[in-house]
PDB file of N, CA and C in Angstrom:
ATOM      1  N   UNK A   1      -2.674 -72.969 -20.144  1.00  0.00           N
ATOM      2  CA  UNK A   1      -4.063 -72.831 -19.755  1.00  0.00           C
ATOM      3  C   UNK A   1      -4.884 -73.908 -20.112  1.00  0.00           C
ATOM      4  N   UNK A   2      -5.734 -74.470 -19.162  1.00  0.00           N
ATOM      5  CA  UNK A   2      -6.593 -75.612 -19.167  1.00  0.00           C
ATOM      6  C   UNK A   2      -7.777 -75.355 -19.860  1.00  0.00           C
ATOM      7  N   UNK A   3      -8.236 -76.016 -20.893  1.00  0.00           N
ATOM      8  CA  UNK A   3      -9.630 -75.798 -21.460  1.00  0.00           C
ATOM      9  C   UNK A   3     -10.685 -76.323 -20.403  1.00  0.00           C
ATOM     10  N   UNK A   4     -11.814 -75.481 -20.292  1.00  0.00           N
ATOM     11  CA  UNK A   4     -12.547 -75.865 -19.446  1.00  0.00           C
ATOM     12  C   UNK A   4     -14.091 -76.109 -20.030  1.00  0.00           C
ATOM     13  N   UNK A   5     -14.717 -77.021 -19.675  1.00  0.00           N
ATOM     14  CA  UNK A   5     -16.265 -77.025 -20.334  1.00  0.00           C
ATOM     15  C   UNK A   5     -17.123 -76.031 -19.754  1.00  0.00           C
ATOM     16  N   UNK A   6     -18.092 -75.692 -20.234  1.00  0.00           N
ATOM     17  CA  UNK A   6     -19.128 -74.713 -19.659  1.00  0.00           C
ATOM     18  C   UNK A   6     -19.551 -75.415 -18.314  1.00  0.00           C
ATOM     19  N   UNK A   7     -20.058 -74.321 -17.598  1.00  0.00           N
ATOM     20  CA  UNK A   7     -20.344 -74.509 -16.093  1.00  0.00           C
ATOM     21  C   UNK A   7     -21.853 -75.166 -16.351  1.00  0.00           C
ATOM     22  N   UNK A   8     -22.022 -76.511 -16.694  1.00  0.00           N
ATOM     23  CA  UNK A   8     -23.438 -76.890 -16.569  1.00  0.00           C
ATOM     24  C   UNK A   8     -23.584 -77.745 -15.388  1.00  0.00           C
ATOM     25  N   UNK A   9     -24.624 -78.002 -14.799  1.00  0.00           N
ATOM     26  CA  UNK A   9     -24.804 -78.831 -13.841  1.00  0.00           C
ATOM     27  C   UNK A   9     -24.290 -80.327 -13.815  1.00  0.00           C
ATOM     28  N   UNK A  10     -24.391 -80.855 -15.240  1.00  0.00           N
ATOM     29  CA  UNK A  10     -23.840 -82.226 -15.439  1.00  0.00           C
ATOM     30  C   UNK A  10     -22.257 -82.133 -15.365  1.00  0.00           C
ATOM     31  N   UNK A  11     -21.549 -81.218 -15.802  1.00  0.00           N
ATOM     32  CA  UNK A  11     -20.191 -80.970 -15.694  1.00  0.00           C
ATOM     33  C   UNK A  11     -19.735 -80.826 -14.403  1.00  0.00           C
ATOM     34  N   UNK A  12     -20.397 -80.142 -13.798  1.00  0.00           N
ATOM     35  CA  UNK A  12     -20.299 -79.880 -12.334  1.00  0.00           C
ATOM     36  C   UNK A  12     -20.330 -81.083 -11.370  1.00  0.00           C
ATOM     37  N   UNK A  13     -21.314 -81.848 -11.726  1.00  0.00           N
ATOM     38  CA  UNK A  13     -21.670 -83.065 -10.966  1.00  0.00           C
ATOM     39  C   UNK A  13     -20.376 -84.168 -11.354  1.00  0.00           C
ATOM     40  N   UNK A  14     -20.042 -84.214 -12.671  1.00  0.00           N
ATOM     41  CA  UNK A  14     -18.960 -85.154 -13.001  1.00  0.00           C
ATOM     42  C   UNK A  14     -17.575 -84.734 -12.274  1.00  0.00           C
ATOM     43  N   UNK A  15     -17.167 -83.362 -12.048  1.00  0.00           N
ATOM     44  CA  UNK A  15     -16.232 -82.904 -11.538  1.00  0.00           C
ATOM     45  C   UNK A  15     -16.188 -83.382 -10.115  1.00  0.00           C
ATOM     46  N   UNK A  16     -17.160 -83.102  -9.451  1.00  0.00           N
ATOM     47  CA  UNK A  16     -17.389 -83.414  -8.054  1.00  0.00           C
ATOM     48  C   UNK A  16     -17.360 -84.928  -7.738  1.00  0.00           C
ATOM     49  N   UNK A  17     -17.735 -85.644  -8.498  1.00  0.00           N
ATOM     50  CA  UNK A  17     -17.589 -87.272  -8.517  1.00  0.00           C
ATOM     51  C   UNK A  17     -16.185 -87.562  -8.897  1.00  0.00           C
ATOM     52  N   UNK A  18     -15.566 -87.123  -9.666  1.00  0.00           N
ATOM     53  CA  UNK A  18     -14.047 -87.343  -9.740  1.00  0.00           C
ATOM     54  C   UNK A  18     -13.334 -86.966  -8.611  1.00  0.00           C
ATOM     55  N   UNK A  19     -13.448 -85.909  -7.976  1.00  0.00           N
ATOM     56  CA  UNK A  19     -12.601 -85.478  -6.897  1.00  0.00           C
ATOM     57  C   UNK A  19     -13.316 -86.287  -5.603  1.00  0.00           C
ATOM     58  N   UNK A  20     -14.501 -86.785  -5.686  1.00  0.00           N
ATOM     59  CA  UNK A  20     -15.139 -87.462  -4.516  1.00  0.00           C
ATOM     60  C   UNK A  20     -15.384 -86.489  -3.443  1.00  0.00           C
ATOM     61  N   UNK A  21     -16.278 -85.481  -4.015  1.00  0.00           N
ATOM     62  CA  UNK A  21     -16.690 -84.290  -3.276  1.00  0.00           C
ATOM     63  C   UNK A  21     -18.080 -84.020  -3.361  1.00  0.00           C
ATOM     64  N   UNK A  22     -18.735 -83.401  -2.616  1.00  0.00           N
ATOM     65  CA  UNK A  22     -20.244 -82.672  -3.060  1.00  0.00           C
ATOM     66  C   UNK A  22     -19.911 -81.356  -3.134  1.00  0.00           C
ATOM     67  N   UNK A  23     -20.889 -80.736  -4.244  1.00  0.00           N
ATOM     68  CA  UNK A  23     -21.097 -79.492  -4.538  1.00  0.00           C
ATOM     69  C   UNK A  23     -21.212 -78.518  -3.486  1.00  0.00           C
ATOM     70  N   UNK A  24     -21.756 -78.984  -2.475  1.00  0.00           N
ATOM     71  CA  UNK A  24     -22.024 -78.143  -1.318  1.00  0.00           C
ATOM     72  C   UNK A  24     -20.744 -78.082  -0.224  1.00  0.00           C
ATOM     73  N   UNK A  25     -19.772 -78.922  -0.530  1.00  0.00           N
ATOM     74  CA  UNK A  25     -18.448 -78.721   0.329  1.00  0.00           C
ATOM     75  C   UNK A  25     -17.791 -77.603   0.150  1.00  0.00           C
ATOM     76  N   UNK A  26     -17.143 -77.190   1.200  1.00  0.00           N
ATOM     77  CA  UNK A  26     -16.371 -75.922   1.266  1.00  0.00           C
ATOM     78  C   UNK A  26     -15.185 -76.095   0.440  1.00  0.00           C
ATOM     79  N   UNK A  27     -14.530 -74.701   0.098  1.00  0.00           N
ATOM     80  CA  UNK A  27     -13.266 -74.732  -0.691  1.00  0.00           C
ATOM     81  C   UNK A  27     -12.120 -75.641  -0.079  1.00  0.00           C
ATOM     82  N   UNK A  28     -12.235 -75.509   1.236  1.00  0.00           N
ATOM     83  CA  UNK A  28     -11.128 -76.239   1.849  1.00  0.00           C
ATOM     84  C   UNK A  28     -11.152 -77.932   1.694  1.00  0.00           C
ATOM     85  N   UNK A  29     -12.341 -78.354   1.824  1.00  0.00           N
ATOM     86  CA  UNK A  29     -12.727 -79.674   1.657  1.00  0.00           C
ATOM     87  C   UNK A  29     -12.094 -80.152   0.205  1.00  0.00           C
ATOM     88  N   UNK A  30     -12.751 -79.240  -0.745  1.00  0.00           N
ATOM     89  CA  UNK A  30     -12.529 -79.534  -2.339  1.00  0.00           C
ATOM     90  C   UNK A  30     -10.886 -79.480  -2.581  1.00  0.00           C
ATOM     91  N   UNK A  31     -10.130 -78.451  -1.935  1.00  0.00           N
ATOM     92  CA  UNK A  31      -8.736 -78.266  -2.083  1.00  0.00           C
ATOM     93  C   UNK A  31      -8.303 -79.623  -1.578  1.00  0.00           C
ATOM     94  N   UNK A  32      -8.420 -79.976  -0.332  1.00  0.00           N
ATOM     95  CA  UNK A  32      -7.874 -81.025   0.205  1.00  0.00           C
ATOM     96  C   UNK A  32      -8.260 -82.518  -0.735  1.00  0.00           C
ATOM     97  N   UNK A  33      -9.395 -82.674  -1.207  1.00  0.00           N
ATOM     98  CA  UNK A  33      -9.650 -83.810  -2.131  1.00  0.00           C
ATOM     99  C   UNK A  33      -8.957 -83.668  -3.392  1.00  0.00           C
ATOM    100  N   UNK A  34      -8.968 -82.315  -3.875  1.00  0.00           N
ATOM    101  CA  UNK A  34      -7.975 -82.296  -5.031  1.00  0.00           C
ATOM    102  C   UNK A  34      -6.593 -82.821  -5.029  1.00  0.00           C
ATOM    103  N   UNK A  35      -5.744 -82.336  -3.877  1.00  0.00           N
ATOM    104  CA  UNK A  35      -4.470 -82.873  -3.427  1.00  0.00           C
ATOM    105  C   UNK A  35      -4.418 -84.297  -3.316  1.00  0.00           C
ATOM    106  N   UNK A  36      -5.474 -84.831  -2.622  1.00  0.00           N
ATOM    107  CA  UNK A  36      -5.454 -86.248  -2.364  1.00  0.00           C
ATOM    108  C   UNK A  36      -5.496 -87.087  -3.683  1.00  0.00           C
ATOM    109  N   UNK A  37      -6.480 -86.566  -4.536  1.00  0.00           N
ATOM    110  CA  UNK A  37      -6.538 -87.490  -5.860  1.00  0.00           C
ATOM    111  C   UNK A  37      -5.335 -87.293  -6.709  1.00  0.00           C
ATOM    112  N   UNK A  38      -4.732 -86.125  -6.524  1.00  0.00           N
ATOM    113  CA  UNK A  38      -3.519 -85.847  -7.422  1.00  0.00           C
ATOM    114  C   UNK A  38      -2.519 -86.847  -6.809  1.00  0.00           C
ATOM    115  N   UNK A  39      -2.207 -86.955  -5.785  1.00  0.00           N
ATOM    116  CA  UNK A  39      -1.271 -87.763  -4.778  1.00  0.00           C
ATOM    117  C   UNK A  39      -1.429 -89.267  -5.314  1.00  0.00           C
ATOM    118  N   UNK A  40      -2.651 -89.619  -5.270  1.00  0.00           N
ATOM    119  CA  UNK A  40      -3.124 -91.206  -5.499  1.00  0.00           C
ATOM    120  C   UNK A  40      -2.617 -91.517  -6.900  1.00  0.00           C
ATOM    121  N   UNK A  41      -2.905 -90.711  -7.805  1.00  0.00           N
ATOM    122  CA  UNK A  41      -2.690 -91.076  -9.262  1.00  0.00           C
ATOM    123  C   UNK A  41      -1.318 -90.240  -9.862  1.00  0.00           C
ATOM    124  N   UNK A  42      -0.451 -89.891  -8.826  1.00  0.00           N
ATOM    125  CA  UNK A  42       1.004 -89.439  -9.336  1.00  0.00           C
ATOM    126  C   UNK A  42       1.831 -90.636  -9.812  1.00  0.00           C
ATOM    127  N   UNK A  43       2.411 -90.370 -10.957  1.00  0.00           N
ATOM    128  CA  UNK A  43       3.144 -91.676 -11.614  1.00  0.00           C
ATOM    129  C   UNK A  43       4.049 -92.337 -10.522  1.00  0.00           C
ATOM    130  N   UNK A  44       4.931 -91.546  -9.715  1.00  0.00           N
ATOM    131  CA  UNK A  44       5.814 -92.011  -8.841  1.00  0.00           C
ATOM    132  C   UNK A  44       5.360 -92.811  -7.766  1.00  0.00           C
ATOM    133  N   UNK A  45       4.035 -92.301  -7.257  1.00  0.00           N
ATOM    134  CA  UNK A  45       3.412 -92.952  -6.150  1.00  0.00           C
ATOM    135  C   UNK A  45       2.814 -94.435  -6.653  1.00  0.00           C
ATOM    136  N   UNK A  46       2.046 -94.413  -8.018  1.00  0.00           N
ATOM    137  CA  UNK A  46       1.578 -95.506  -8.528  1.00  0.00           C
ATOM    138  C   UNK A  46       2.804 -96.533  -8.673  1.00  0.00           C
ATOM    139  N   UNK A  47       4.011 -96.351  -9.303  1.00  0.00           N
ATOM    140  CA  UNK A  47       5.188 -97.127  -9.189  1.00  0.00           C
ATOM    141  C   UNK A  47       5.458 -97.729  -7.992  1.00  0.00           C
ATOM    142  N   UNK A  48       5.576 -96.882  -6.947  1.00  0.00           N
ATOM    143  CA  UNK A  48       5.763 -97.402  -5.498  1.00  0.00           C
ATOM    144  C   UNK A  48       4.683 -98.537  -5.050  1.00  0.00           C
ATOM    145  N   UNK A  49       3.513 -98.209  -5.542  1.00  0.00           N
ATOM    146  CA  UNK A  49       2.572 -99.220  -5.117  1.00  0.00           C
ATOM    147  C   UNK A  49       2.493-100.335  -6.058  1.00  0.00           C
ATOM    148  N   UNK A  50       3.217-100.435  -7.137  1.00  0.00           N
ATOM    149  CA  UNK A  50       3.472-101.716  -7.932  1.00  0.00           C
ATOM    150  C   UNK A  50       2.480-101.686  -9.151  1.00  0.00           C
ATOM    151  N   UNK A  51       2.034-100.405  -9.509  1.00  0.00           N
ATOM    152  CA  UNK A  51       1.164-100.370 -10.570  1.00  0.00           C
ATOM    153  C   UNK A  51       2.000-100.764 -11.791  1.00  0.00           C
ATOM    154  N   UNK A  52       1.082-101.385 -12.681  1.00  0.00           N
ATOM    155  CA  UNK A  52       1.756-101.815 -14.070  1.00  0.00           C
ATOM    156  C   UNK A  52       1.928-100.725 -14.968  1.00  0.00           C
ATOM    157  N   UNK A  53       2.636-100.839 -16.164  1.00  0.00           N
ATOM    158  CA  UNK A  53       3.109 -99.830 -16.986  1.00  0.00           C
ATOM    159  C   UNK A  53       1.732 -99.183 -17.445  1.00  0.00           C
ATOM    160  N   UNK A  54       0.722 -99.883 -17.866  1.00  0.00           N
ATOM    161  CA  UNK A  54      -0.364 -99.264 -18.621  1.00  0.00           C
ATOM    162  C   UNK A  54      -0.931 -98.233 -17.604  1.00  0.00           C
ATOM    163  N   UNK A  55      -1.207 -98.641 -16.323  1.00  0.00           N
ATOM    164  CA  UNK A  55      -1.602 -97.711 -15.256  1.00  0.00           C
ATOM    165  C   UNK A  55      -1.002 -96.365 -15.048  1.00  0.00           C
ATOM    166  N   UNK A  56       0.543 -96.487 -14.943  1.00  0.00           N
ATOM    167  CA  UNK A  56       1.372 -95.589 -14.878  1.00  0.00           C
ATOM    168  C   UNK A  56       1.208 -94.718 -16.137  1.00  0.00           C
ATOM    169  N   UNK A  57       1.072 -95.142 -17.443  1.00  0.00           N
ATOM    170  CA  UNK A  57       1.062 -94.476 -18.340  1.00  0.00           C
ATOM    171  C   UNK A  57      -0.318 -93.647 -18.665  1.00  0.00           C
ATOM    172  N   UNK A  58      -1.270 -94.140 -17.903  1.00  0.00           N
ATOM    173  CA  UNK A  58      -2.571 -93.256 -17.987  1.00  0.00           C
ATOM    174  C   UNK A  58      -2.686 -92.373 -16.900  1.00  0.00           C
ATOM    175  N   UNK A  59      -1.490 -92.303 -16.053  1.00  0.00           N
ATOM    176  CA  UNK A  59      -1.517 -91.277 -14.961  1.00  0.00           C
ATOM    177  C   UNK A  59      -1.568 -89.738 -15.401  1.00  0.00           C
ATOM    178  N   UNK A  60      -1.075 -89.422 -16.432  1.00  0.00           N
ATOM    179  CA  UNK A  60      -1.035 -88.087 -17.022  1.00  0.00           C
ATOM    180  C   UNK A  60      -2.259 -87.681 -17.394  1.00  0.00           C
ATOM    181  N   UNK A  61      -3.131 -88.517 -17.993  1.00  0.00           N
ATOM    182  CA  UNK A  61      -4.486 -88.178 -18.525  1.00  0.00           C
ATOM    183  C   UNK A  61      -5.289 -88.092 -17.282  1.00  0.00           C
ATOM    184  N   UNK A  62      -5.229 -89.031 -16.416  1.00  0.00           N
ATOM    185  CA  UNK A  62      -6.021 -88.898 -15.080  1.00  0.00           C
ATOM    186  C   UNK A  62      -5.782 -87.674 -14.576  1.00  0.00           C
ATOM    187  N   UNK A  63      -4.403 -87.141 -14.491  1.00  0.00           N
ATOM    188  CA  UNK A  63      -4.053 -86.079 -13.631  1.00  0.00           C
ATOM    189  C   UNK A  63      -4.742 -84.692 -14.322  1.00  0.00           C
ATOM    190  N   UNK A  64      -4.563 -84.812 -15.598  1.00  0.00           N
ATOM    191  CA  UNK A  64      -5.271 -83.802 -16.221  1.00  0.00           C
ATOM    192  C   UNK A  64      -6.858 -83.590 -16.147  1.00  0.00           C
ATOM    193  N   UNK A  65      -7.456 -84.673 -16.123  1.00  0.00           N
ATOM    194  CA  UNK A  65      -9.034 -84.781 -15.794  1.00  0.00           C
ATOM    195  C   UNK A  65      -9.176 -84.299 -14.131  1.00  0.00           C
ATOM    196  N   UNK A  66      -8.204 -84.508 -13.317  1.00  0.00           N
ATOM    197  CA  UNK A  66      -8.382 -84.090 -11.982  1.00  0.00           C
ATOM    198  C   UNK A  66      -8.228 -82.645 -11.795  1.00  0.00           C
ATOM    199  N   UNK A  67      -7.185 -82.085 -12.649  1.00  0.00           N
ATOM    200  CA  UNK A  67      -7.061 -80.721 -12.474  1.00  0.00           C
ATOM    201  C   UNK A  67      -8.167 -79.941 -13.501  1.00  0.00           C
ATOM    202  N   UNK A  68      -8.683 -80.490 -14.308  1.00  0.00           N
ATOM    203  CA  UNK A  68      -9.817 -79.889 -15.038  1.00  0.00           C
ATOM    204  C   UNK A  68     -11.165 -79.845 -14.095  1.00  0.00           C
ATOM    205  N   UNK A  69     -11.207 -80.829 -13.518  1.00  0.00           N
ATOM    206  CA  UNK A  69     -12.495 -80.927 -12.340  1.00  0.00           C
ATOM    207  C   UNK A  69     -12.139 -80.139 -11.260  1.00  0.00           C
ATOM    208  N   UNK A  70     -10.935 -80.039 -10.741  1.00  0.00           N
ATOM    209  CA  UNK A  70     -10.824 -78.921  -9.852  1.00  0.00           C
ATOM    210  C   UNK A  70     -11.038 -77.394 -10.226  1.00  0.00           C
ATOM    211  N   UNK A  71     -10.411 -77.036 -11.255  1.00  0.00           N
ATOM    212  CA  UNK A  71     -10.651 -75.777 -12.023  1.00  0.00           C
ATOM    213  C   UNK A  71     -12.195 -75.582 -12.164  1.00  0.00           C
ATOM    214  N   UNK A  72     -12.896 -76.379 -12.486  1.00  0.00           N
ATOM    215  CA  UNK A  72     -14.346 -76.229 -12.766  1.00  0.00           C
ATOM    216  C   UNK A  72     -14.996 -75.994 -11.377  1.00  0.00           C
ATOM    217  N   UNK A  73     -14.703 -76.767 -10.474  1.00  0.00           N
ATOM    218  CA  UNK A  73     -15.322 -76.346  -9.023  1.00  0.00           C
ATOM    219  C   UNK A  73     -14.798 -75.226  -8.563  1.00  0.00           C
ATOM    220  N   UNK A  74     -13.612 -74.921  -8.752  1.00  0.00           N
ATOM    221  CA  UNK A  74     -12.956 -73.609  -8.283  1.00  0.00           C
ATOM    222  C   UNK A  74     -13.816 -72.450  -8.693  1.00  0.00           C
ATOM    223  N   UNK A  75     -13.947 -72.434  -9.942  1.00  0.00           N
ATOM    224  CA  UNK A  75     -14.623 -71.359 -10.682  1.00  0.00           C
ATOM    225  C   UNK A  75     -16.059 -71.349 -10.290  1.00  0.00           C
ATOM    226  N   UNK A  76     -16.567 -72.456 -10.256  1.00  0.00           N
ATOM    227  CA  UNK A  76     -17.968 -72.310  -9.747  1.00  0.00           C
ATOM    228  C   UNK A  76     -18.255 -71.919  -8.197  1.00  0.00           C
ATOM    229  N   UNK A  77     -17.289 -72.337  -7.600  1.00  0.00           N
ATOM    230  CA  UNK A  77     -17.327 -71.728  -6.061  1.00  0.00           C
ATOM    231  C   UNK A  77     -16.841 -70.332  -5.855  1.00  0.00           C
ATOM    232  N   UNK A  78     -16.040 -69.905  -6.802  1.00  0.00           N
ATOM    233  CA  UNK A  78     -15.272 -68.602  -6.800  1.00  0.00           C
ATOM    234  C   UNK A  78     -14.191 -68.563  -5.689  1.00  0.00           C
ATOM    235  N   UNK A  79     -13.463 -69.388  -5.709  1.00  0.00           N
ATOM    236  CA  UNK A  79     -12.182 -69.485  -4.883  1.00  0.00           C
ATOM    237  C   UNK A  79     -10.973 -69.636  -5.581  1.00  0.00           C
ATOM    238  N   UNK A  80      -9.715 -69.271  -4.965  1.00  0.00           N
ATOM    239  CA  UNK A  80      -8.390 -69.372  -5.576  1.00  0.00           C
ATOM    240  C   UNK A  80      -7.883 -70.747  -5.185  1.00  0.00           C
TER     241      UNK A  80
END
């Protein structure tokens, strides 16, 4: 289970910025952005694009941040 910060406007704005969406976007747009960010930061995709070891090493943390941001927005918007 992922720990989530409280639903504050600051946390929601940071989550939206991380996923590159607006808080007013539809659940479909948010889901698409979430999947796009996961794909962009996946270690295998980074390796295929020639990313260095450091960038690949940070991929796990970045993916965790993306997942937390998505869960926060999902909870705020009330969708599955």
